[in-house]
């Protein structure tokens, strides 16, 4: 067993609770542990809060003057890491209990890449504009390990990923994907293409940062654009359900008719998604509309 570098990109989030719980579990990893936090151009109030972390033993806190994006900041963190294992965590994560690092330590012999998963609160949020993000997380992201392992590279997410440093540095994240979304899709493809084993286990972090529906919809739209970018540039993403549906419609000569028909009810769909009772089917339809629009 060798050392662990926990890598946390920070953007407009108070990461002190996450870092403190990680420090409390550091002794459960049988080797040295460092926590590296790199701020990606957050607002001043968040930088002021998180600067306290730099005074804690075992924690490195640094700030970037300009926002470089989700892929570039993780590449920078990995380049600076000192240890053989990297644990990638999003800054809006919380640990489920006091055995989080212990479970990873017990399982890391399984593969050079381990994915712990994500969990969401069982009760919906009180705020209506957070319901869509919570619903999507509960039904589309919070999958048990047995389900994720059926498609180990396709079900991989960069949040809560334990990976050998040499594997991450050799493959890296695509910094051309400057918008939100699908960095993990390409990274999973690179892992599969290189023959790197991925092991999924039930060791989820709790997603604590639910975005309001308008923000989540913008991020989802950006992710659709990234998917099209990957498909056009490298032929990636054709195995995703969304792109498969769009390509079928194009083959059948129905893409324009479907896009036009949906365009007539786009505002009605958007009102539903911003409401207190959003429908994931409506979200799927909107994503398909966006994708057909991008593929024109």
Protein backbone atom coordinates (compact mmCIF):
# COMPACT_ATOMS: atom_id res chain seq x y z
CA UNK A 1 0.00 0.00 0.00
CA UNK A 2 1.31 3.46 -0.88
CA UNK A 3 0.27 7.05 -0.35
CA UNK A 4 -2.98 8.77 -1.29
CA UNK A 5 -3.47 12.22 -2.79
CA UNK A 6 -7.05 13.52 -2.48
CA UNK A 7 -7.69 16.05 -5.25
CA UNK A 8 -10.50 18.60 -4.90
CA UNK A 9 -11.09 21.31 -7.52
CA UNK A 10 -12.90 24.20 -5.83
CA UNK A 11 -15.36 26.63 -7.36
CA UNK A 12 -17.69 28.82 -5.30
CA UNK A 13 -18.07 26.22 -2.55
CA UNK A 14 -17.08 25.98 1.11
CA UNK A 15 -15.00 22.78 1.16
CA UNK A 16 -13.99 22.97 4.82
CA UNK A 17 -16.54 20.35 5.99
CA UNK A 18 -15.42 17.87 3.31
CA UNK A 19 -11.71 18.39 4.04
CA UNK A 20 -12.16 18.07 7.79
CA UNK A 21 -14.04 14.77 7.50
CA UNK A 22 -11.34 13.45 5.15
CA UNK A 23 -8.62 14.43 7.62
CA UNK A 24 -10.47 12.59 10.39
CA UNK A 25 -10.33 9.40 8.29
CA UNK A 26 -6.75 9.77 7.02
CA UNK A 27 -5.48 7.16 9.50
CA UNK A 28 -7.69 4.56 7.79
CA UNK A 29 -5.49 4.68 4.69
CA UNK A 30 -2.37 2.61 5.45
CA UNK A 31 0.10 5.13 4.06
CA UNK A 32 0.66 8.89 3.88
CA UNK A 33 -2.31 11.04 2.86
CA UNK A 34 -2.32 14.54 1.41
CA UNK A 35 -5.34 16.67 0.46
CA UNK A 36 -4.86 19.16 -2.37
CA UNK A 37 -7.47 21.87 -2.99
CA UNK A 38 -7.13 24.14 -6.01
CA UNK A 39 -9.52 27.07 -6.38
CA UNK A 40 -10.65 27.78 -9.94
CA UNK A 41 -11.46 31.48 -9.76
CA UNK A 42 -14.12 31.46 -7.03
CA UNK A 43 -15.77 34.55 -5.61
CA UNK A 44 -13.87 36.35 -2.84
CA UNK A 45 -16.10 35.14 0.01
CA UNK A 46 -15.43 31.49 -0.82
CA UNK A 47 -11.71 32.05 -1.23
CA UNK A 48 -11.60 33.74 2.17
CA UNK A 49 -13.36 30.79 3.82
CA UNK A 50 -11.23 28.12 2.18
CA UNK A 51 -7.91 29.86 2.76
CA UNK A 52 -8.14 28.56 6.34
CA UNK A 53 -7.45 25.07 4.96
CA UNK A 54 -3.89 25.99 4.05
CA UNK A 55 -3.02 26.11 7.75
CA UNK A 56 -4.06 22.50 8.36
CA UNK A 57 -1.38 19.77 8.40
CA UNK A 58 -1.59 17.52 5.36
CA UNK A 59 -3.62 20.06 3.34
CA UNK A 60 -2.40 22.16 0.41
CA UNK A 61 -4.70 24.99 -0.64
CA UNK A 62 -3.89 27.11 -3.71
CA UNK A 63 -5.78 29.51 -5.97
CA UNK A 64 -5.80 30.14 -9.70
CA UNK A 65 -6.23 33.72 -10.89
CA UNK A 66 -8.50 32.68 -13.79
CA UNK A 67 -11.00 29.87 -14.25
CA UNK A 68 -9.43 27.09 -16.35
CA UNK A 69 -12.32 24.60 -16.35
CA UNK A 70 -13.14 21.15 -15.05
CA UNK A 71 -10.65 19.15 -17.11
CA UNK A 72 -7.63 21.46 -16.87
CA UNK A 73 -7.87 21.94 -13.11
CA UNK A 74 -7.96 18.18 -12.48
CA UNK A 75 -4.96 17.71 -14.75
CA UNK A 76 -3.10 20.37 -12.76
CA UNK A 77 -4.00 18.75 -9.44
CA UNK A 78 -2.85 15.35 -10.69
CA UNK A 79 0.43 16.78 -11.94
CA UNK A 80 1.19 18.25 -8.49
CA UNK A 81 0.10 15.18 -6.48
CA UNK A 82 2.86 13.42 -4.55
CA UNK A 83 1.43 9.93 -4.07
CA UNK A 84 0.71 6.81 -6.11
CA UNK A 85 -3.08 6.81 -5.66
CA UNK A 86 -5.35 9.74 -6.56
CA UNK A 87 -8.85 10.21 -5.17
CA UNK A 88 -10.90 12.63 -7.27
CA UNK A 89 -13.75 14.35 -5.45
CA UNK A 90 -16.09 17.17 -6.42
CA UNK A 91 -16.19 20.08 -4.02
CA UNK A 92 -19.93 19.67 -3.35
CA UNK A 93 -19.54 16.13 -1.99
CA UNK A 94 -20.03 14.93 1.57
CA UNK A 95 -18.85 11.63 3.03
CA UNK A 96 -21.60 9.17 4.03
CA UNK A 97 -19.94 7.89 7.22
CA UNK A 98 -16.57 7.43 8.94
CA UNK A 99 -15.57 4.34 6.88
CA UNK A 100 -15.23 5.97 3.46
CA UNK A 101 -11.44 5.82 3.13
CA UNK A 102 -11.31 2.45 4.90
CA UNK A 103 -13.57 0.90 2.22
CA UNK A 104 -11.33 2.21 -0.55
CA UNK A 105 -8.21 0.96 1.24
CA UNK A 106 -9.74 -2.51 1.52
CA UNK A 107 -10.73 -2.61 -2.17
CA UNK A 108 -7.83 -0.95 -3.98
CA UNK A 109 -6.20 -4.30 -4.82
CA UNK A 110 -9.15 -5.00 -7.15
CA UNK A 111 -8.12 -2.70 -10.00
CA UNK A 112 -6.08 0.40 -10.87
CA UNK A 113 -9.35 2.36 -11.16
CA UNK A 114 -12.20 2.21 -8.62
CA UNK A 115 -15.49 4.10 -8.74
CA UNK A 116 -17.48 4.53 -5.53
CA UNK A 117 -20.67 6.11 -6.90
CA UNK A 118 -22.92 8.94 -5.82
CA UNK A 119 -25.93 9.10 -3.48
CA UNK A 120 -28.70 11.65 -2.93
CA UNK A 121 -30.95 12.42 -0.01
CA UNK A 122 -34.04 10.19 0.02
CA UNK A 123 -36.46 13.07 0.61
CA UNK A 124 -36.99 15.70 -2.10
CA UNK A 125 -35.75 19.22 -1.36
CA UNK A 126 -38.25 21.75 -0.13
CA UNK A 127 -37.25 24.30 -2.75
CA UNK A 128 -39.20 23.69 -5.97
CA UNK A 129 -36.34 24.81 -8.22
CA UNK A 130 -34.06 22.09 -6.80
CA UNK A 131 -36.46 19.22 -7.53
CA UNK A 132 -35.26 18.57 -11.09
CA UNK A 133 -31.62 18.13 -10.11
CA UNK A 134 -32.57 15.91 -7.15
CA UNK A 135 -34.90 13.78 -9.30
CA UNK A 136 -32.26 13.33 -11.98
CA UNK A 137 -29.64 12.39 -9.41
CA UNK A 138 -31.85 9.88 -7.60
CA UNK A 139 -33.07 8.11 -10.74
CA UNK A 140 -30.18 8.47 -13.20
CA UNK A 141 -26.98 8.79 -11.18
CA UNK A 142 -27.45 6.92 -7.87
CA UNK A 143 -26.83 3.41 -9.19
CA UNK A 144 -25.58 0.49 -7.07
CA UNK A 145 -22.19 -0.97 -7.91
CA UNK A 146 -23.68 -4.17 -9.38
CA UNK A 147 -25.52 -2.12 -12.01
CA UNK A 148 -22.54 0.11 -12.78
CA UNK A 149 -20.25 -2.90 -13.14
CA UNK A 150 -22.35 -4.19 -16.05
CA UNK A 151 -20.81 -1.39 -18.13
CA UNK A 152 -17.77 -0.46 -16.05
CA UNK A 153 -16.18 2.06 -18.39
CA UNK A 154 -19.47 3.56 -19.56
CA UNK A 155 -20.77 4.09 -16.00
CA UNK A 156 -17.63 5.84 -14.80
CA UNK A 157 -17.79 9.35 -13.33
CA UNK A 158 -14.88 11.56 -12.34
CA UNK A 159 -16.42 12.40 -8.98
CA UNK A 160 -15.46 9.82 -6.35
CA UNK A 161 -12.88 8.05 -8.48
CA UNK A 162 -9.83 6.32 -7.00
CA UNK A 163 -7.13 5.84 -9.64
CA UNK A 164 -3.45 5.08 -9.91
CA UNK A 165 -1.60 8.34 -10.58
CA UNK A 166 0.37 6.92 -13.48
CA UNK A 167 -2.86 5.84 -15.23
CA UNK A 168 -4.46 9.25 -14.84
CA UNK A 169 -1.36 11.15 -15.95
CA UNK A 170 -0.83 8.87 -18.96
CA UNK A 171 -4.37 9.37 -20.26
CA UNK A 172 -5.34 12.78 -18.82
CA UNK A 173 -8.56 14.72 -19.34
CA UNK A 174 -9.42 16.44 -22.62
CA UNK A 175 -8.94 20.17 -22.00
CA UNK A 176 -10.62 20.95 -25.33
CA UNK A 177 -13.94 20.16 -23.58
CA UNK A 178 -14.21 23.60 -22.03
CA UNK A 179 -17.95 23.41 -21.37
CA UNK A 180 -19.61 21.26 -18.71
CA UNK A 181 -20.06 17.56 -19.34
CA UNK A 182 -18.75 14.33 -20.84
CA UNK A 183 -15.14 14.60 -19.70
CA UNK A 184 -15.82 11.30 -17.96
CA UNK A 185 -17.33 9.80 -21.15
CA UNK A 186 -14.08 10.31 -23.02
CA UNK A 187 -11.94 9.26 -20.06
CA UNK A 188 -13.93 6.03 -19.73
CA UNK A 189 -13.41 5.36 -23.44
CA UNK A 190 -9.65 5.90 -23.06
CA UNK A 191 -9.56 3.50 -20.12
CA UNK A 192 -11.46 0.86 -22.10
CA UNK A 193 -9.30 1.39 -25.20
CA UNK A 194 -6.13 0.98 -23.12
CA UNK A 195 -7.45 -2.22 -21.52
CA UNK A 196 -7.50 -0.71 -18.02
CA UNK A 197 -9.77 -2.52 -15.58
CA UNK A 198 -12.40 -0.49 -13.70
CA UNK A 199 -13.95 -1.83 -10.50
CA UNK A 200 -17.18 -0.38 -9.09
CA UNK A 201 -17.99 -0.59 -5.41
CA UNK A 202 -20.70 0.74 -3.13
CA UNK A 203 -18.81 3.60 -1.48
CA UNK A 204 -20.84 6.63 -2.53
CA UNK A 205 -20.38 10.26 -1.67
CA UNK A 206 -23.46 12.35 -0.98
CA UNK A 207 -24.06 15.01 -3.61
CA UNK A 208 -24.71 18.10 -1.53
CA UNK A 209 -24.74 20.80 -4.20
CA UNK A 210 -28.11 20.69 -5.96
CA UNK A 211 -28.28 23.36 -8.65
CA UNK A 212 -31.47 25.30 -9.36
CA UNK A 213 -33.29 23.98 -12.40
CA UNK A 214 -32.25 26.82 -14.78
CA UNK A 215 -28.57 26.23 -13.94
CA UNK A 216 -28.93 22.47 -14.32
CA UNK A 217 -30.67 22.87 -17.68
CA UNK A 218 -27.86 25.10 -18.94
CA UNK A 219 -25.27 22.54 -17.82
CA UNK A 220 -27.27 19.77 -19.48
CA UNK A 221 -27.39 21.76 -22.73
CA UNK A 222 -23.62 22.27 -22.52
CA UNK A 223 -23.16 18.52 -22.00
CA UNK A 224 -25.19 17.82 -25.16
CA UNK A 225 -22.92 20.18 -27.09
CA UNK A 226 -19.85 18.39 -25.73
CA UNK A 227 -21.30 15.03 -26.75
CA UNK A 228 -21.73 16.26 -30.31
CA UNK A 229 -18.19 17.69 -30.24
CA UNK A 230 -16.78 14.30 -29.18
CA UNK A 231 -18.85 12.46 -31.78
CA UNK A 232 -17.84 14.70 -34.66
CA UNK A 233 -14.17 14.93 -33.73
CA UNK A 234 -13.49 11.37 -32.59
CA UNK A 235 -16.58 9.24 -33.21
CA UNK A 236 -17.17 8.88 -29.46
CA UNK A 237 -20.52 8.71 -27.71
CA UNK A 238 -22.35 6.63 -30.32
CA UNK A 239 -23.04 4.05 -27.60
CA UNK A 240 -25.02 6.53 -25.48
CA UNK A 241 -28.80 6.13 -25.58
CA UNK A 242 -29.29 9.79 -26.47
CA UNK A 243 -27.02 9.78 -29.49
CA UNK A 244 -28.31 6.38 -30.62
CA UNK A 245 -31.87 7.74 -30.66
CA UNK A 246 -30.84 10.84 -32.60
CA UNK A 247 -28.87 8.85 -35.18
CA UNK A 248 -31.80 6.47 -35.70
CA UNK A 249 -34.11 9.39 -36.40
CA UNK A 250 -31.62 10.78 -38.91
CA UNK A 251 -31.33 7.41 -40.67
CA UNK A 252 -35.11 7.19 -40.91
CA UNK A 253 -35.36 10.74 -42.26
CA UNK A 254 -37.46 11.84 -39.28
CA UNK A 255 -35.06 14.14 -37.42
CA UNK A 256 -36.36 17.42 -38.88
CA UNK A 257 -40.00 16.47 -38.32
CA UNK A 258 -39.34 15.49 -34.71
CA UNK A 259 -37.28 18.62 -34.08
CA UNK A 260 -39.96 20.87 -35.56
CA UNK A 261 -42.78 19.18 -33.68
CA UNK A 262 -40.97 19.40 -30.38
CA UNK A 263 -40.07 23.03 -31.02
CA UNK A 264 -43.78 23.89 -30.92
CA UNK A 265 -44.06 22.65 -27.33
CA UNK A 266 -40.59 23.56 -26.09
CA UNK A 267 -41.81 26.30 -23.76
CA UNK A 268 -44.44 23.99 -22.24
CA UNK A 269 -41.71 21.42 -21.52
CA UNK A 270 -39.47 24.06 -20.01
CA UNK A 271 -42.28 25.22 -17.69
CA UNK A 272 -42.70 21.64 -16.49
CA UNK A 273 -38.97 21.25 -15.81
CA UNK A 274 -38.90 24.46 -13.79
CA UNK A 275 -41.94 23.42 -11.75
CA UNK A 276 -42.16 21.55 -8.45
CA UNK A 277 -43.17 18.34 -10.29
CA UNK A 278 -40.70 17.99 -13.17
CA UNK A 279 -40.74 15.00 -15.49
CA UNK A 280 -37.54 13.20 -16.49
CA UNK A 281 -39.25 12.08 -19.70
CA UNK A 282 -39.72 15.73 -20.59
CA UNK A 283 -36.04 16.30 -19.86
CA UNK A 284 -35.09 13.39 -22.12
CA UNK A 285 -37.23 14.85 -24.91
CA UNK A 286 -35.60 18.26 -24.49
CA UNK A 287 -32.12 16.73 -24.63
CA UNK A 288 -33.05 14.89 -27.83
CA UNK A 289 -34.32 18.16 -29.33
CA UNK A 290 -31.06 19.91 -28.41
CA UNK A 291 -29.04 17.06 -29.90
CA UNK A 292 -30.99 17.03 -33.17
CA UNK A 293 -30.51 20.79 -33.34
CA UNK A 294 -26.74 20.42 -32.90
CA UNK A 295 -26.53 17.67 -35.53
CA UNK A 296 -28.26 19.69 -38.25
